[in-house]
Protein backbone atom coordinates (compact mmCIF):
# COMPACT_ATOMS: atom_id res chain seq x y z
CA MET A 1 104.36 27.75 2.63
CA LYS A 2 105.16 26.20 5.98
CA THR A 3 101.63 24.82 6.29
CA LYS A 4 101.88 23.08 2.91
CA LEU A 5 105.17 21.49 3.90
CA ILE A 6 103.70 20.21 7.18
CA LEU A 7 100.62 18.81 5.38
CA ALA A 8 102.86 17.12 2.81
CA CYS A 9 104.92 15.50 5.56
CA ILE A 10 101.80 14.30 7.35
CA ALA A 11 100.45 12.82 4.10
CA VAL A 12 103.71 10.98 3.39
CA VAL A 13 103.94 9.57 6.92
CA SER A 14 100.31 8.48 6.99
CA LEU A 15 100.57 6.79 3.59
CA ALA A 16 103.74 5.02 4.66
CA GLY A 17 101.78 3.41 7.47
CA CYS A 18 99.35 1.90 4.95
CA GLN A 19 102.04 0.09 3.02
CA SER A 20 101.80 -3.69 3.40
CA THR A 21 104.95 -5.67 3.95
CA PRO A 22 105.07 -8.90 2.00
CA THR A 23 105.86 -12.00 4.06
CA PRO A 24 106.32 -14.75 1.48
CA HIS A 25 108.15 -17.09 3.85
CA LEU A 26 105.45 -16.87 6.52
CA ASP A 27 102.58 -17.01 4.02
CA ASP A 28 103.96 -20.15 2.36
CA HIS A 29 103.85 -22.07 5.64
CA PHE A 30 100.71 -20.55 7.15
CA GLY A 31 98.61 -23.19 8.95
CA GLU A 32 101.14 -26.01 8.75
CA ALA A 33 101.52 -26.21 12.53
CA VAL A 34 97.76 -26.54 13.03
CA ASN A 35 97.46 -29.18 10.32
CA GLN A 36 100.38 -31.13 11.80
CA ALA A 37 98.87 -30.98 15.29
CA LYS A 38 95.50 -32.23 13.98
CA ALA A 39 97.19 -35.08 12.11
CA LEU A 40 99.13 -36.12 15.22
CA GLN A 41 95.94 -36.18 17.30
CA THR A 42 94.00 -38.32 14.83
CA ILE A 43 94.12 -41.99 15.82
CA ASN A 44 92.40 -43.39 12.76
CA PRO A 45 92.12 -41.04 9.77
CA ASP A 46 89.91 -43.55 7.90
CA ALA A 47 87.36 -43.90 10.71
CA SER A 48 84.62 -42.13 8.74
CA ARG A 49 84.78 -44.82 6.05
CA ASN A 50 84.00 -47.63 8.52
CA THR A 51 80.31 -48.54 8.23
CA ASP A 52 80.48 -51.33 10.83
CA PRO A 53 78.22 -50.39 13.79
CA VAL A 54 79.84 -49.77 17.13
CA ALA A 55 79.62 -52.71 19.50
CA GLY A 56 79.15 -51.88 23.14
CA ILE A 57 76.64 -51.29 25.87
CA ASP A 58 72.92 -51.21 25.07
CA GLY A 59 70.83 -48.08 25.50
CA ASN A 60 68.97 -49.10 28.69
CA ALA A 61 72.17 -49.99 30.54
CA ALA A 62 73.84 -46.76 29.38
CA LYS A 63 70.85 -44.72 30.59
CA ALA A 64 70.98 -46.40 34.00
CA ILE A 65 74.68 -45.62 34.31
CA VAL A 66 74.19 -41.97 33.37
CA ASP A 67 71.24 -41.63 35.76
CA ARG A 68 73.30 -43.13 38.60
CA TYR A 69 76.12 -40.70 37.79
CA HIS A 70 73.75 -37.72 37.91
CA GLU A 71 72.28 -38.88 41.23
CA GLY A 72 75.79 -39.13 42.65
CA MET A 73 76.51 -35.55 41.65
CA LYS A 74 73.52 -34.30 43.69
CA LYS A 75 75.04 -35.47 46.97
CA GLU A 76 77.20 -33.14 49.03
CA PRO A 77 80.88 -34.02 48.85
CA ALA A 78 82.54 -35.35 51.97
CA PRO A 79 84.20 -32.65 54.08
CA ALA A 80 87.91 -32.27 53.58
CA THR A 81 90.22 -33.37 56.36
CA ILE A 82 92.53 -30.56 57.39
CA ILE A 83 95.72 -31.41 59.22
CA ASN A 84 97.05 -28.19 60.70
CA ILE A 85 100.58 -28.35 62.01
CA GLY A 86 101.85 -25.18 63.69
CA GLY A 87 99.58 -22.66 61.99
CA SER A 88 96.19 -21.08 62.42
CA LEU A 89 93.14 -21.84 60.34
CA THR A 90 92.07 -18.19 60.20
CA GLY A 91 95.30 -16.93 58.69
CA GLU A 92 95.88 -14.50 61.56
CA ASN A 93 99.14 -14.41 63.50
CA GLN A 94 98.66 -15.19 67.17
């Protein structure tokens, strides 16, 4: 008798955990913040309708600029200047 009562209580408690709680207020406004943030970050929402080609730098000049940039990244950066006033560089107390 006691075992059946314990099993019944366990069944009731476990089924209560499966119950979904409706959140109509949250569900009605789900995704509005993301959509608002995207809208605020869009400069020109009709940009995809513009068929006018982009005016700017030609391909050869752009390639030269990118190549120069990549060559500059291969160089070692200049050493940092450290101005030490009243402390040690090793972090040890002397």
